[in-house]
Protein backbone atom coordinates (compact mmCIF):
# COMPACT_ATOMS: atom_id res chain seq x y z
CA MET A 1 0.00 0.00 0.00
CA LYS A 2 1.60 3.23 -1.16
CA MET A 3 -0.08 6.56 -1.62
CA SER A 4 1.40 8.62 -4.36
CA LYS A 5 3.33 11.70 -3.41
CA LEU A 6 1.15 13.68 -5.78
CA LEU A 7 -2.14 12.76 -4.09
CA LEU A 8 -1.36 13.81 -0.55
CA THR A 9 1.04 16.62 -1.30
CA GLY A 10 -1.44 18.09 -3.72
CA ALA A 11 -4.20 17.88 -1.14
CA ILE A 12 -2.17 19.47 1.59
CA GLY A 13 -0.72 22.15 -0.61
CA LEU A 14 2.63 22.15 1.13
CA VAL A 15 6.06 21.53 -0.28
CA THR A 16 7.26 18.13 0.91
CA LEU A 17 10.44 18.58 2.87
CA GLY A 18 12.91 15.93 3.93
CA LEU A 19 13.39 15.67 7.68
CA ALA A 20 17.02 16.56 7.27
CA ALA A 21 15.96 19.99 6.02
CA CYS A 22 13.10 20.57 8.44
CA GLY A 23 12.55 24.29 8.92
CA GLY A 24 15.54 25.11 6.77
CA GLY A 25 18.00 23.48 9.16
CA SER A 26 21.48 24.94 9.09
CA SER A 27 24.48 22.75 8.33
CA SER A 28 26.69 24.91 10.52
CA GLY A 29 24.60 25.26 13.64
CA GLY A 30 25.50 22.05 15.46
CA SER A 31 25.59 23.33 19.05
CA SER A 32 28.08 20.75 20.26
CA ALA A 33 29.80 19.81 17.02
CA GLY A 34 33.54 20.28 17.39
CA SER A 35 33.26 21.30 21.07
CA GLY A 36 34.08 17.88 22.47
CA GLU A 37 30.97 18.03 24.62
CA THR A 38 27.78 16.01 24.33
CA LYS A 39 24.53 17.94 23.96
CA VAL A 40 21.96 15.96 25.97
CA PHE A 41 18.40 16.45 24.76
CA LYS A 42 15.70 16.29 27.42
CA LEU A 43 12.86 13.94 26.43
CA ALA A 44 9.66 14.52 28.42
CA PHE A 45 7.30 11.61 29.00
CA ASN A 46 4.03 11.52 30.95
CA GLN A 47 4.08 7.81 31.80
CA THR A 48 6.33 5.41 33.73
CA ASP A 49 9.79 4.05 33.09
CA GLN A 50 8.21 0.63 32.44
CA HIS A 51 6.51 1.85 29.27
CA PRO A 52 7.84 0.80 25.83
CA GLN A 53 8.12 4.43 24.76
CA TYR A 54 10.45 5.07 27.70
CA ALA A 55 12.64 2.19 26.52
CA ALA A 56 12.53 3.55 22.97
CA GLY A 57 13.62 6.97 24.21
CA VAL A 58 16.54 5.51 26.15
CA GLU A 59 17.62 3.55 23.09
CA LEU A 60 17.34 6.69 20.98
CA GLY A 61 19.83 8.36 23.30
CA LYS A 62 22.32 5.51 22.99
CA ARG A 63 22.08 5.24 19.23
CA LEU A 64 22.08 8.99 18.63
CA GLU A 65 25.24 9.35 20.69
CA GLU A 66 26.86 6.58 18.66
CA VAL A 67 25.91 7.84 15.20
CA THR A 68 26.84 11.46 16.01
CA GLU A 69 30.16 10.40 17.55
CA GLY A 70 29.19 11.77 20.95
CA ARG A 71 27.81 15.11 19.83
CA TYR A 72 24.22 14.36 20.90
CA SER A 73 22.41 12.10 23.33
CA VAL A 74 19.01 11.89 25.06
CA LYS A 75 17.88 11.69 28.69
CA VAL A 76 14.29 10.57 29.28
CA TYR A 77 12.23 12.14 32.08
CA PRO A 78 9.19 9.91 32.83
CA ASN A 79 6.19 10.44 35.13
CA GLU A 80 5.63 14.06 34.09
CA GLN A 81 8.86 15.12 35.80
CA LEU A 82 9.07 18.05 33.39
CA GLY A 83 5.36 18.85 33.71
CA GLY A 84 2.06 17.93 32.09
CA GLN A 85 1.81 17.66 28.33
CA ALA A 86 0.18 21.07 27.91
CA ASP A 87 3.07 22.77 29.74
CA VAL A 88 5.84 20.70 28.20
CA ILE A 89 4.70 21.30 24.65
CA GLN A 90 5.06 25.04 25.24
CA ASN A 91 8.58 24.47 26.54
CA LEU A 92 9.26 22.38 23.46
CA SER A 93 8.06 25.28 21.34
CA ASN A 94 10.44 27.73 22.98
CA GLY A 95 13.31 25.22 22.97
CA THR A 96 13.85 24.71 26.71
CA VAL A 97 12.84 21.05 26.26
CA GLU A 98 14.09 19.34 23.12
CA LEU A 99 11.98 16.17 22.79
CA MET A 100 8.72 14.70 24.04
CA TRP A 101 6.28 11.87 23.54
CA VAL A 102 2.78 13.27 23.15
CA GLY A 103 -0.70 11.89 22.60
CA GLY A 104 -2.02 12.49 19.10
CA PRO A 105 -5.02 14.64 20.09
CA VAL A 106 -2.76 17.30 21.63
CA LEU A 107 -1.48 18.28 18.18
CA GLU A 108 -4.99 19.19 17.05
CA GLY A 109 -4.53 22.40 19.01
CA PHE A 110 -1.81 23.45 16.56
CA ASN A 111 -3.10 21.94 13.31
CA LYS A 112 -6.60 20.53 13.30
CA ASP A 113 -5.78 18.24 10.38
CA PHE A 114 -4.10 15.85 12.84
CA VAL A 115 -7.64 14.94 13.90
CA VAL A 116 -8.00 12.34 11.13
CA PHE A 117 -5.77 9.82 12.90
CA ASN A 118 -7.53 10.48 16.23
CA LEU A 119 -11.06 9.73 15.12
CA PRO A 120 -12.99 6.84 16.66
CA TYR A 121 -13.04 3.59 14.71
CA VAL A 122 -11.09 5.15 11.81
CA PHE A 123 -8.41 2.41 11.79
CA ASP A 124 -9.60 -1.16 11.31
CA SER A 125 -6.48 -2.66 12.87
CA VAL A 126 -3.16 -1.83 14.51
CA ASP A 127 -1.44 -3.12 11.37
CA ALA A 128 -3.34 -0.57 9.30
CA GLN A 129 -2.23 2.22 11.61
CA LEU A 130 1.40 1.10 11.48
CA ALA A 131 1.25 0.98 7.69
CA VAL A 132 0.09 4.60 7.59
CA LEU A 133 2.71 5.74 10.11
CA SER A 134 5.46 4.23 7.95
CA GLU A 135 4.46 6.44 4.99
CA TYR A 136 7.18 8.96 5.79
CA GLU A 137 7.12 10.87 2.52
CA ALA A 138 3.34 11.13 2.37
CA LEU A 139 3.13 12.30 6.00
CA ASP A 140 5.99 14.78 5.83
CA PRO A 141 3.80 17.79 4.94
CA LEU A 142 1.63 17.10 8.00
CA PHE A 143 4.59 16.39 10.28
CA THR A 144 6.32 19.66 9.35
CA SER A 145 3.13 21.75 9.28
CA ILE A 146 3.56 23.26 12.76
CA GLU A 147 7.20 24.24 12.40
CA GLU A 148 6.49 27.82 11.37
CA ASN A 149 3.87 28.71 13.98
CA LYS A 150 5.00 26.51 16.90
CA GLN A 151 8.63 25.60 16.16
CA ILE A 152 7.77 21.91 16.61
CA THR A 153 8.61 19.04 14.24
CA VAL A 154 7.03 15.60 14.38
CA LEU A 155 9.75 12.97 14.06
CA ALA A 156 7.59 9.84 14.17
CA GLY A 157 4.23 8.36 15.03
CA VAL A 158 3.94 5.09 16.95
CA ASN A 159 1.18 2.77 18.04
CA ALA A 160 -0.22 3.69 21.44
CA GLY A 161 -2.46 0.68 21.86
CA VAL A 162 -6.18 0.21 21.43
CA ARG A 163 -8.16 2.43 23.77
CA ASN A 164 -11.15 1.21 25.74
CA VAL A 165 -13.38 2.55 28.51
CA TYR A 166 -12.85 1.75 32.18
CA ASN A 167 -14.65 2.94 35.30
CA SER A 168 -15.33 2.26 38.97
CA LYS A 169 -19.09 1.58 38.69
CA HIS A 170 -19.94 -1.25 36.33
CA ALA A 171 -19.16 -3.00 33.06
CA VAL A 172 -19.97 -1.03 29.91
CA ARG A 173 -21.76 -2.95 27.17
CA THR A 174 -23.92 -0.32 25.44
CA PRO A 175 -23.87 3.48 25.15
CA GLU A 176 -26.60 3.60 27.80
CA ASP A 177 -24.14 2.15 30.33
CA LEU A 178 -22.07 5.31 30.01
CA ASN A 179 -24.94 7.68 30.82
CA GLY A 180 -23.94 10.06 33.59
CA LEU A 181 -20.41 8.68 34.01
CA LYS A 182 -17.66 11.30 34.19
CA ILE A 183 -14.87 10.02 31.93
CA ARG A 184 -11.40 11.53 31.53
CA VAL A 185 -10.34 12.19 27.94
CA GLN A 186 -7.31 13.78 26.33
CA GLN A 187 -7.36 17.53 25.98
CA SER A 188 -8.81 18.07 22.52
CA ASP A 189 -12.17 19.01 21.07
CA SER A 190 -12.45 15.77 19.11
CA GLN A 191 -11.93 13.62 22.20
CA VAL A 192 -14.48 15.57 24.20
CA ARG A 193 -17.04 15.27 21.41
CA MET A 194 -16.29 11.57 20.98
CA ILE A 195 -16.92 10.56 24.59
CA GLU A 196 -20.05 12.71 24.74
CA LEU A 197 -21.43 11.01 21.64
CA MET A 198 -20.61 7.65 23.22
CA GLY A 199 -22.87 8.63 26.12
CA ALA A 200 -20.60 9.86 28.93
CA VAL A 201 -19.71 13.23 30.46
CA ALA A 202 -16.29 14.33 29.16
CA SER A 203 -13.61 15.52 31.60
CA PRO A 204 -10.42 16.54 29.78
CA MET A 205 -7.32 16.59 32.02
CA ASN A 206 -3.67 15.57 32.26
CA ASN A 207 -2.88 11.92 32.88
CA GLY A 208 -1.07 12.80 36.10
CA GLU A 209 -4.26 14.15 37.68
CA THR A 210 -6.51 11.24 36.73
CA TYR A 211 -5.73 8.75 39.52
CA SER A 212 -6.54 11.13 42.37
CA ALA A 213 -9.65 12.38 40.54
CA MET A 214 -10.97 8.82 40.29
CA GLN A 215 -9.90 7.99 43.83
CA THR A 216 -11.88 10.94 45.22
CA GLY A 217 -14.89 10.43 42.97
CA VAL A 218 -14.37 13.54 40.86
CA LEU A 219 -14.11 11.13 37.93
CA ASP A 220 -15.84 7.79 37.42
CA GLY A 221 -13.31 6.54 34.90
CA ALA A 222 -11.30 7.19 31.78
CA GLU A 223 -10.47 5.67 28.41
CA ASN A 224 -7.08 4.29 27.54
CA ASN A 225 -5.14 1.17 26.64
CA GLU A 226 -4.42 -1.60 29.17
CA VAL A 227 -0.79 -0.53 29.50
CA THR A 228 -1.51 3.00 30.68
CA TRP A 229 -4.53 1.93 32.75
CA ASP A 230 -2.41 -0.47 34.78
CA ALA A 231 0.93 1.39 34.75
CA LEU A 232 -0.66 4.53 36.22
CA LYS A 233 -2.50 2.34 38.80
CA HIS A 234 -5.91 3.28 37.43
CA SER A 235 -6.70 -0.44 37.64
CA GLU A 236 -6.72 -0.03 41.42
CA VAL A 237 -9.54 2.52 41.45
CA ALA A 238 -11.42 1.78 38.21
CA LYS A 239 -11.56 -2.01 37.95
CA TYR A 240 -14.18 -2.40 35.21
CA TYR A 241 -12.38 -2.52 31.85
CA SER A 242 -14.69 -2.78 28.84
CA TYR A 243 -13.48 -3.47 25.30
CA THR A 244 -15.19 -0.68 23.37
CA ARG A 245 -12.14 -0.55 21.04
CA HIS A 246 -13.13 2.96 20.07
CA LEU A 247 -9.67 4.34 19.30
CA ILE A 248 -6.40 3.26 17.76
CA ILE A 249 -4.62 6.60 17.89
CA PRO A 250 -0.91 7.33 17.61
CA ASP A 251 1.50 8.90 20.00
CA TYR A 252 4.11 11.15 18.43
CA LEU A 253 7.77 11.79 19.08
CA LEU A 254 8.28 15.54 18.79
CA ILE A 255 11.43 17.62 18.60
CA SER A 256 11.88 21.34 19.05
CA THR A 257 12.48 22.74 15.57
CA LYS A 258 15.00 25.12 17.15
CA ALA A 259 16.95 22.18 18.52
CA LEU A 260 16.71 20.37 15.19
CA ASN A 261 17.93 23.38 13.24
CA ALA A 262 20.91 23.74 15.59
CA MET A 263 22.13 20.32 14.44
CA SER A 264 24.37 20.01 11.40
CA ALA A 265 22.82 18.57 8.26
CA GLU A 266 24.83 15.40 8.86
CA ASP A 267 23.49 14.98 12.39
CA GLN A 268 19.93 15.75 11.32
CA GLN A 269 20.19 12.98 8.74
CA ALA A 270 21.61 10.62 11.35
CA LEU A 271 18.61 11.36 13.58
CA LYS A 272 16.22 10.84 10.68
CA ASP A 273 17.79 7.49 9.88
CA LEU A 274 17.13 6.29 13.45
CA VAL A 275 13.37 6.93 13.23
CA PRO A 276 12.31 3.51 11.86
CA GLU A 277 14.41 1.73 14.49
CA ILE A 278 12.91 3.75 17.34
CA GLN A 279 9.40 3.23 15.98
CA LYS A 280 9.97 -0.53 15.92
CA ILE A 281 11.24 -0.62 19.51
CA ALA A 282 8.20 1.32 20.73
CA ASN A 283 5.75 -0.71 18.65
CA ASP A 284 7.21 -4.14 19.35
CA GLY A 285 7.26 -3.54 23.07
CA PHE A 286 3.57 -2.84 23.24
CA ALA A 287 2.14 -6.34 22.70
CA ALA A 288 4.18 -7.99 25.45
CA PHE A 289 3.65 -5.11 27.83
CA THR A 290 -0.10 -5.19 27.18
CA GLN A 291 -0.36 -8.84 28.25
CA LYS A 292 1.79 -8.17 31.30
CA SER A 293 -0.54 -5.31 32.24
CA ILE A 294 -3.64 -7.47 31.81
CA ASP A 295 -2.14 -10.21 33.99
CA HIS A 296 -1.26 -7.78 36.77
CA ALA A 297 -4.63 -6.03 36.69
CA THR A 298 -6.39 -9.41 36.87
CA SER A 299 -4.31 -10.35 39.91
CA ILE A 300 -5.61 -7.33 41.84
CA GLY A 301 -9.25 -7.97 40.99
CA ALA A 302 -9.86 -6.06 37.77
CA GLN A 303 -12.77 -7.25 35.66
CA PHE A 304 -12.69 -7.37 31.87
CA ASN A 305 -15.67 -7.66 29.57
CA ASP A 306 -15.64 -8.09 25.81
CA ASP A 307 -19.40 -8.36 25.26
CA VAL A 308 -19.58 -4.77 24.02
CA ASP A 309 -21.94 -3.57 21.31
CA THR A 310 -19.19 -1.85 19.32
CA ALA A 311 -21.54 -1.34 16.38
CA ALA A 312 -23.78 0.82 18.56
CA PHE A 313 -20.83 2.93 19.71
CA LYS A 314 -19.53 3.26 16.16
CA ALA A 315 -22.93 4.47 14.96
CA ARG A 316 -23.01 7.05 17.74
CA VAL A 317 -19.67 8.61 16.77
CA GLN A 318 -20.05 8.43 12.99
CA PRO A 319 -21.24 12.07 12.73
CA LEU A 320 -17.95 13.19 14.27
CA VAL A 321 -16.00 11.16 11.72
CA ASP A 322 -18.01 12.47 8.77
CA GLU A 323 -17.82 16.10 9.85
CA SER A 324 -14.10 15.96 10.57
CA VAL A 325 -13.03 14.15 7.41
CA ASN A 326 -15.10 16.30 5.07
CA GLU A 327 -13.81 19.58 6.48
CA ASN A 328 -11.17 20.05 3.77
CA ASP A 329 -9.13 18.30 1.09
CA VAL A 330 -6.19 17.76 3.44
CA ARG A 331 -8.25 15.55 5.69
CA LYS A 332 -9.85 13.76 2.78
CA GLY A 333 -6.38 12.89 1.52
CA LEU A 334 -5.28 11.61 4.93
CA TYR A 335 -8.50 9.64 5.29
CA ASP A 336 -7.94 8.07 1.85
CA LEU A 337 -4.50 7.01 3.06
CA VAL A 338 -6.12 5.32 6.05
CA GLN A 339 -8.68 3.56 3.90
CA GLN A 340 -5.97 2.16 1.67
CA ALA A 341 -4.22 0.81 4.76
CA ASN A 342 -7.47 -0.64 6.11
CA ALA A 343 -8.08 -2.49 2.86
CA ALA A 344 -4.60 -4.00 2.97
CA ASN A 345 -4.67 -4.73 6.72
CA PRO A 346 -8.20 -5.77 7.77
CA ALA A 347 -9.12 -6.55 11.35
CA LYS A 348 -8.30 -10.13 12.32
């Protein structure tokens, strides 16, 4: 499955740029090149050091240091040590933080066209999503689209699991079971609209605030993959995990465009060449970690149910999908890319 460069680039109306030239990167700006010192990029992460994306970030640091002959490396800061995603992304924009993992919906605040990959039931399978995220040339106009206004470049998208609903009250089988439940969602308009259409009351907030909000009853639950649900101990306070399978959305590895432009052209290319390897580490780690999370949650009394009327939920959110996709030609082109991937990678 390959989408022609002409189709998507024509739809987006942007000049496709190679990552090595993102934002007009200078070949002479390498901040540590020739100094004998290693420039250590800070990578902010809002989850634990057990997460596959943490491991991928650590490996990025090792490999980047090797391929740049010690000029650059990466230190990962998990558990929101550098702040919540909303704060960190501003620091990324001004260059005081160089890298971060971020949930896909956050980028809608800077370019609403990112919404296509965050829509409910848009991907038929994880394999379809991974196929789309490997279309580097086709996605380049989108991934460089917020460089000018936010000084942020998207390096890569990775699988962030299949998201489902969990809560402290009861199993969810139909949209009616969500009536009145206060559910945490990511901080974007599309996610708020999605959970409201599904039947719940939307409560957008940072991941780091969610546990205490559920523990005190401010929230009844949230929606996320099994890995995050268990790693952040949400399985202790919201034990009913229901397989709505409403989202297969990506997380993105972002870099400050200022930091990228300060690298020499050679080092930018070296970073670009590492992207497929880092994607694979993050993606491959997810399946094993998911099963480990399920096993642990089961051991502490969590209850799973898979008798969910997903067709009913899909029908509820279809207006959101239709409205979002038909907004402009950019989104239609991205949606066509998804549909090609779905056809080649159907649900198993």
